[in-house]
Structures are given as C-alpha cells and as structure tokens.
Amino acid sequence: MTPFDWKDIHAAIWRASQKALRPILHTDPISAADLIGVDEQLARLNRNTERFLRGEPVNNALLWGARGTGKSSLVKAIFNAYRDQGLRLIEVDRDDLVQLPDIVDGIRDLSYRFIIYCDDLSFESDERQYKALKHVLEGSIELPPPNVLIYATSNRRHLLPEYERENLDARPVNGEIHPGEAIEEKIALADRFGLCLSFYPVPQQTYLQMIDHLFTDFSGDRHCLHILANRFAIERGARNGRVARQFYNQFDPAELLTVAPEPPA
C-alpha cells in the first residue's frame, strides 16, 4: 500500500480512487511561532504528542470550535515540530474513513509514529463512516496499534448533528436528566477522543496581533493598517487567523489613502 520509504517521506494523503497513500513532498511549513492566541491548546497538544513519541499512554485528540481559529494550523505545526523525531502524518478525508482500518493495518507494524489527521470532521444523521472511526479509536477484539494516533478537527463538539426533537427522549432518573439513545450515541463518538481542545472566536486585540505578525516588515502607518484590517473583518463577518491571512494576501498599500485622518485633539 505504501510504495515509498517513510524514512524520506514524512507525510502522505489517502487517495480512495487509487486505494493507496500518495506521498506529500511539499508540506505546509507553518510553525508554532506563527500561531497567535492558542497558547493553551498548543501546550496541551504538545504534551500529548511528546508522550506519544515516548511510547507513553496518550489520547486521541479532537480540536473543535469556530471556523478559521487555527485548529488545522495547530495540527500541522505540531507535525512540523516533531517530524524529525520520527513523527509521520497521514491525512484521510472524512468520506474515506471506511478505509481507515485498512490504512492502519498497513502501518501498525512500522517503527514510526503516525498521526492520522482528519480535517473538518462531521457526519450527518444517515451516514455511517463514523463506525470505522470508532473501530480505530478503541479497537474491536484487537487493540488499537500503539504507533497510531488520531487528531481530528471539527466545527461540531459532538461531530454529529443534534436536533431539538431528540431532547424529547430524555428521561428523569432519581431527579436527574438522562439523555435519550440518539443523544447518547452522538456523545459516545466524541467521548472516544480523550483530549478535546476548544477554539472560540478571537477578540479584536488578538486579531490585530495576528495582523501585526503577518505584517512584520510593514513600515507604513500601522494604525491605518489596523483600520483596514478591521474593515475587512467586518466585511467577512469574522475575526480569526484565516481572515487575517486573507487580508494579508489581498492588501494593497494604495488602500491606506482611503483611511481618513483622525481629527486633531
């Protein structure tokens, strides 16, 4: 399944059409120094990854929360930090999770440590790919391999949609509310991720720190730059690292002339 040497290839992506892993030669070079406002999440995922590399007990990780807040970037930064220590990364699309047991079988006996990376993970009510994910997370009659860990990102805390009608199945037991079977099944999937890291929309101050980090070499009026960056965020309807990067990519210095000077005090 892997016609390449993991000594030279550090990352790969599963291609369902070829039923094979395709090596990635040019990975995103993002590092922890490029991440703003996620210090706590970074520290916790660092600890988990270091334990994994030492062969100690670890947890699969679910990074969930608002869009564009650095979930995927954090996973890639962790990979870049430890790739020279034997860490390898395999990206698997949500729709290909049914192949996950076969993918894991192909790497379980290798000496490297593998993170299976699932980006933007979520399921609809009638989908069953998550059953293959549950199999790898906790195993069946065969224990999960010690050299495989799953890091997933999602906008949903419980990965599956939750409907108001499902709460009607809740029942009181000795004065306590117990959720119905539908809710229990959805919570059970997310519960298999022992490490859950939450990401929330960033405040304006953090957003502007992201802007300053991207515009390190900017020598113009930084106050005007911030005004333009805030305008862009309002137009996009969000403040986060993704929006900051998009502003950086389209920035035209001529736009600074559109910022009206502040009246004298």
Protein backbone atom coordinates (compact mmCIF):
# COMPACT_ATOMS: atom_id res chain seq x y z
CA MET A 1 0.00 0.00 0.00
CA THR A 2 2.96 2.35 0.56
CA PRO A 3 5.48 2.10 -2.32
CA PHE A 4 7.75 4.64 -0.64
CA ASP A 5 10.14 4.78 2.28
CA TRP A 6 8.82 6.58 5.35
CA LYS A 7 12.41 7.50 6.15
CA ASP A 8 12.33 10.00 3.29
CA ILE A 9 8.59 10.73 3.20
CA HIS A 10 7.15 12.39 6.28
CA ALA A 11 3.53 12.87 5.21
CA ALA A 12 1.01 11.26 2.89
CA ILE A 13 -2.62 11.57 1.91
CA TRP A 14 -5.02 8.72 1.20
CA ARG A 15 -6.39 8.63 -2.35
CA ALA A 16 -9.51 6.49 -2.46
CA SER A 17 -9.55 6.31 -6.26
CA GLN A 18 -6.13 4.65 -6.22
CA LYS A 19 -6.64 2.84 -2.92
CA ALA A 20 -3.18 3.99 -1.92
CA LEU A 21 -1.28 6.61 0.00
CA ARG A 22 0.19 9.44 -2.05
CA PRO A 23 3.37 10.93 -0.58
CA ILE A 24 3.35 14.67 0.09
CA LEU A 25 6.61 16.27 -0.98
CA HIS A 26 5.81 19.88 -0.07
CA THR A 27 4.04 20.25 3.26
CA ASP A 28 2.76 23.45 4.84
CA PRO A 29 5.76 24.90 6.72
CA ILE A 30 3.69 26.57 9.45
CA SER A 31 5.25 26.54 12.91
CA ALA A 32 4.10 27.24 16.45
CA ALA A 33 5.63 30.72 16.18
CA ASP A 34 3.03 31.53 13.51
CA LEU A 35 0.09 30.77 15.82
CA ILE A 36 -1.47 33.58 17.84
CA GLY A 37 -3.98 33.19 20.66
CA VAL A 38 -3.85 29.40 21.03
CA ASP A 39 -1.08 29.02 23.61
CA GLU A 40 -3.05 26.75 25.92
CA GLN A 41 -4.23 24.44 23.13
CA LEU A 42 -0.69 24.31 21.74
CA ALA A 43 0.80 23.37 25.10
CA ARG A 44 -1.71 20.57 25.69
CA LEU A 45 -1.32 19.08 22.21
CA ASN A 46 2.46 19.36 22.53
CA ARG A 47 2.39 17.34 25.76
CA ASN A 48 0.16 14.70 24.23
CA THR A 49 2.40 14.36 21.16
CA GLU A 50 5.59 14.16 23.20
CA ARG A 51 4.09 11.36 25.31
CA PHE A 52 3.11 9.59 22.09
CA LEU A 53 6.69 9.78 20.79
CA ARG A 54 7.99 8.38 24.10
CA GLY A 55 5.58 5.45 23.90
CA GLU A 56 3.58 6.58 26.94
CA PRO A 57 -0.23 6.40 27.26
CA VAL A 58 -1.90 9.14 25.20
CA ASN A 59 -5.30 10.28 23.97
CA ASN A 60 -6.71 10.80 20.51
CA ALA A 61 -7.44 14.50 20.10
CA LEU A 62 -10.46 16.40 18.84
CA LEU A 63 -9.93 20.08 18.08
CA TRP A 64 -13.35 21.67 17.79
CA GLY A 65 -14.76 25.16 17.61
CA ALA A 66 -15.32 28.22 15.45
CA ARG A 67 -14.15 28.22 11.86
CA GLY A 68 -10.79 29.74 10.99
CA THR A 69 -9.50 29.76 14.56
CA GLY A 70 -6.34 27.71 13.95
CA LYS A 71 -7.41 24.11 14.51
CA SER A 72 -5.87 22.71 11.32
CA SER A 73 -2.86 25.01 11.57
CA LEU A 74 -2.14 23.72 15.08
CA VAL A 75 -2.07 20.08 13.92
CA LYS A 76 0.28 20.94 11.06
CA ALA A 77 2.54 22.96 13.37
CA ILE A 78 2.77 20.03 15.79
CA PHE A 79 3.70 17.72 12.92
CA ASN A 80 6.42 20.10 11.73
CA ALA A 81 7.83 20.36 15.24
CA TYR A 82 8.27 16.60 15.67
CA ARG A 83 8.71 15.17 12.17
CA ASP A 84 12.46 14.87 12.69
CA GLN A 85 11.79 12.73 15.76
CA GLY A 86 10.01 10.01 13.81
CA LEU A 87 6.53 11.51 13.67
CA ARG A 88 4.64 10.92 10.43
CA LEU A 89 1.32 12.35 9.24
CA ILE A 90 -1.40 10.71 7.14
CA GLU A 91 -4.36 12.80 6.05
CA VAL A 92 -7.63 10.95 5.48
CA ASP A 93 -10.73 12.65 4.12
CA ARG A 94 -13.98 12.22 6.01
CA ASP A 95 -15.56 10.35 3.10
CA ASP A 96 -12.69 7.84 3.10
CA LEU A 97 -12.93 6.84 6.74
CA VAL A 98 -14.40 3.49 5.74
CA GLN A 99 -10.86 2.67 4.55
CA LEU A 100 -9.33 3.65 7.88
CA PRO A 101 -8.93 0.10 9.25
CA ASP A 102 -7.06 -0.94 6.08
CA ILE A 103 -4.85 2.16 6.26
CA VAL A 104 -3.98 1.41 9.86
CA ASP A 105 -3.23 -2.25 9.06
CA GLY A 106 -0.61 -1.06 6.58
CA ILE A 107 1.35 0.96 9.18
CA ARG A 108 0.76 -0.76 12.52
CA ASP A 109 3.99 -2.79 12.35
CA LEU A 110 6.25 0.08 11.26
CA SER A 111 8.73 1.71 13.63
CA TYR A 112 7.48 5.25 13.01
CA ARG A 113 4.76 7.04 14.98
CA PHE A 114 1.77 8.05 12.86
CA ILE A 115 -0.86 10.72 13.34
CA ILE A 116 -3.98 10.09 11.29
CA TYR A 117 -5.27 13.58 10.51
CA CYS A 118 -8.97 14.10 9.72
CA ASP A 119 -9.81 17.71 8.91
CA ASP A 120 -13.29 19.23 9.18
CA LEU A 121 -14.74 16.04 10.61
CA SER A 122 -18.52 15.80 10.97
CA PHE A 123 -21.28 13.44 9.96
CA GLU A 124 -24.92 13.65 9.03
CA SER A 125 -27.51 11.52 10.77
CA ASP A 126 -27.77 8.95 7.96
CA GLU A 127 -24.02 8.47 7.49
CA ARG A 128 -22.16 5.52 8.93
CA GLN A 129 -18.50 6.30 8.18
CA TYR A 130 -18.06 7.13 11.83
CA LYS A 131 -18.36 3.46 12.71
CA ALA A 132 -14.98 2.81 11.05
CA LEU A 133 -13.58 5.71 13.06
CA LYS A 134 -14.92 4.22 16.30
CA HIS A 135 -13.27 0.92 15.40
CA VAL A 136 -9.83 2.54 15.11
CA LEU A 137 -10.30 4.79 18.14
CA GLU A 138 -10.95 1.95 20.56
CA GLY A 139 -10.36 -1.23 18.58
CA SER A 140 -12.52 -4.32 18.50
CA ILE A 141 -11.13 -7.66 19.64
CA GLU A 142 -7.77 -6.28 18.51
CA LEU A 143 -6.25 -3.41 20.45
CA PRO A 144 -5.53 -0.18 18.57
CA PRO A 145 -1.86 -0.08 17.48
CA PRO A 146 0.38 1.88 19.85
CA ASN A 147 2.05 3.72 16.97
CA VAL A 148 -1.16 5.30 15.61
CA LEU A 149 -2.95 8.36 16.99
CA ILE A 150 -5.89 10.29 15.56
CA TYR A 151 -6.05 14.09 15.53
CA ALA A 152 -9.31 15.45 14.11
CA THR A 153 -10.73 18.95 13.68
CA SER A 154 -14.40 19.85 13.58
CA ASN A 155 -16.82 22.73 13.95
CA ARG A 156 -19.09 20.42 15.95
CA ARG A 157 -18.39 19.39 19.51
CA HIS A 158 -20.16 16.03 19.12
CA LEU A 159 -19.37 15.54 15.40
CA LEU A 160 -22.99 14.62 14.60
CA PRO A 161 -25.99 16.95 14.22
CA GLU A 162 -28.22 17.30 17.26
CA TYR A 163 -31.91 18.04 16.90
CA GLU A 164 -34.39 19.54 19.30
CA ARG A 165 -36.74 16.56 18.95
CA GLU A 166 -34.04 14.24 20.29
CA ASN A 167 -34.16 16.02 23.63
CA LEU A 168 -37.75 14.86 24.00
CA ASP A 169 -36.42 11.36 24.61
CA ALA A 170 -34.64 12.48 27.76
CA ARG A 171 -35.96 10.85 30.92
CA PRO A 172 -35.73 11.67 34.61
CA VAL A 173 -33.98 9.13 36.86
CA ASN A 174 -33.91 9.89 40.59
CA GLY A 175 -34.25 13.57 39.86
CA GLU A 176 -31.50 13.60 37.22
CA ILE A 177 -31.99 14.12 33.47
CA HIS A 178 -30.66 11.28 31.31
CA PRO A 179 -30.40 11.87 27.54
CA GLY A 180 -32.17 9.58 25.08
CA GLU A 181 -30.47 6.90 22.99
CA ALA A 182 -29.97 9.16 19.94
CA ILE A 183 -28.11 11.76 22.01
CA GLU A 184 -26.14 9.07 23.82
CA GLU A 185 -24.86 7.61 20.53
CA LYS A 186 -23.73 11.01 19.28
CA ILE A 187 -21.96 11.89 22.51
CA ALA A 188 -20.34 8.45 22.59
CA LEU A 189 -18.37 9.14 19.39
CA ALA A 190 -16.86 12.40 20.67
CA ASP A 191 -16.16 10.78 24.04
CA ARG A 192 -13.69 8.45 22.36
CA PHE A 193 -11.39 11.44 21.93
CA GLY A 194 -9.74 11.71 25.33
CA LEU A 195 -8.26 15.13 24.56
CA CYS A 196 -10.78 17.77 23.48
CA LEU A 197 -9.47 21.24 22.72
CA SER A 198 -11.94 24.07 22.16
CA PHE A 199 -11.42 27.09 19.90
CA TYR A 200 -13.53 30.24 20.11
CA PRO A 201 -13.80 33.44 18.03
CA VAL A 202 -10.91 35.75 18.84
CA PRO A 203 -11.31 39.26 20.26
CA GLN A 204 -10.23 42.27 18.23
CA GLN A 205 -6.96 42.67 20.12
CA THR A 206 -5.88 39.12 19.24
CA TYR A 207 -6.96 39.61 15.64
CA LEU A 208 -4.78 42.71 15.36
CA GLN A 209 -1.87 40.77 16.86
CA MET A 210 -2.31 38.30 14.01
CA ILE A 211 -2.25 41.20 11.56
CA ASP A 212 0.95 42.60 13.09
CA HIS A 213 2.58 39.16 12.93
CA LEU A 214 1.83 38.90 9.21
CA PHE A 215 2.90 42.50 8.50
CA THR A 216 6.23 42.35 10.33
CA ASP A 217 8.03 44.29 7.58
CA PHE A 218 5.29 46.89 7.13
CA SER A 219 6.77 50.38 7.55
CA GLY A 220 3.65 52.48 6.99
CA ASP A 221 1.03 53.81 9.38
CA ARG A 222 0.11 50.76 11.45
CA HIS A 223 -2.97 52.47 12.88
CA CYS A 224 -4.37 52.87 9.37
CA LEU A 225 -3.43 49.28 8.63
CA HIS A 226 -5.48 48.17 11.63
CA ILE A 227 -8.45 50.20 10.45
CA LEU A 228 -8.32 48.48 7.06
CA ALA A 229 -7.91 45.08 8.70
CA ASN A 230 -10.97 45.69 10.89
CA ARG A 231 -12.99 46.81 7.87
CA PHE A 232 -12.03 43.62 6.09
CA ALA A 233 -13.04 41.51 9.09
CA ILE A 234 -16.44 43.24 9.24
CA GLU A 235 -16.98 42.54 5.54
CA ARG A 236 -16.06 38.89 6.08
CA GLY A 237 -18.25 38.60 9.17
CA ALA A 238 -15.48 37.12 11.33
CA ARG A 239 -12.21 37.84 13.08
CA ASN A 240 -9.77 34.94 13.02
CA GLY A 241 -6.43 33.80 11.66
CA ARG A 242 -7.91 32.80 8.32
CA VAL A 243 -9.40 36.25 7.78
CA ALA A 244 -6.12 37.88 8.82
CA ARG A 245 -4.28 35.81 6.21
CA GLN A 246 -6.85 36.67 3.54
CA PHE A 247 -6.43 40.38 4.32
CA TYR A 248 -2.67 39.99 4.04
CA ASN A 249 -2.97 38.21 0.69
CA GLN A 250 -5.09 40.96 -0.89
CA PHE A 251 -3.58 44.03 0.80
CA ASP A 252 -2.83 46.96 -1.49
CA PRO A 253 -0.81 49.86 0.07
CA ALA A 254 -2.87 52.28 -2.00
CA GLU A 255 -5.84 51.43 0.20
CA LEU A 256 -4.15 53.30 3.05
CA LEU A 257 -5.06 56.51 1.26
CA THR A 258 -8.73 55.71 1.79
CA VAL A 259 -8.38 55.93 5.56
CA ALA A 260 -9.46 59.36 6.73
CA PRO A 261 -7.04 61.00 9.18
CA GLU A 262 -8.27 61.42 12.73
CA PRO A 263 -9.29 64.97 13.71
CA PRO A 264 -6.83 66.84 15.91
CA ALA A 265 -7.39 66.53 19.64
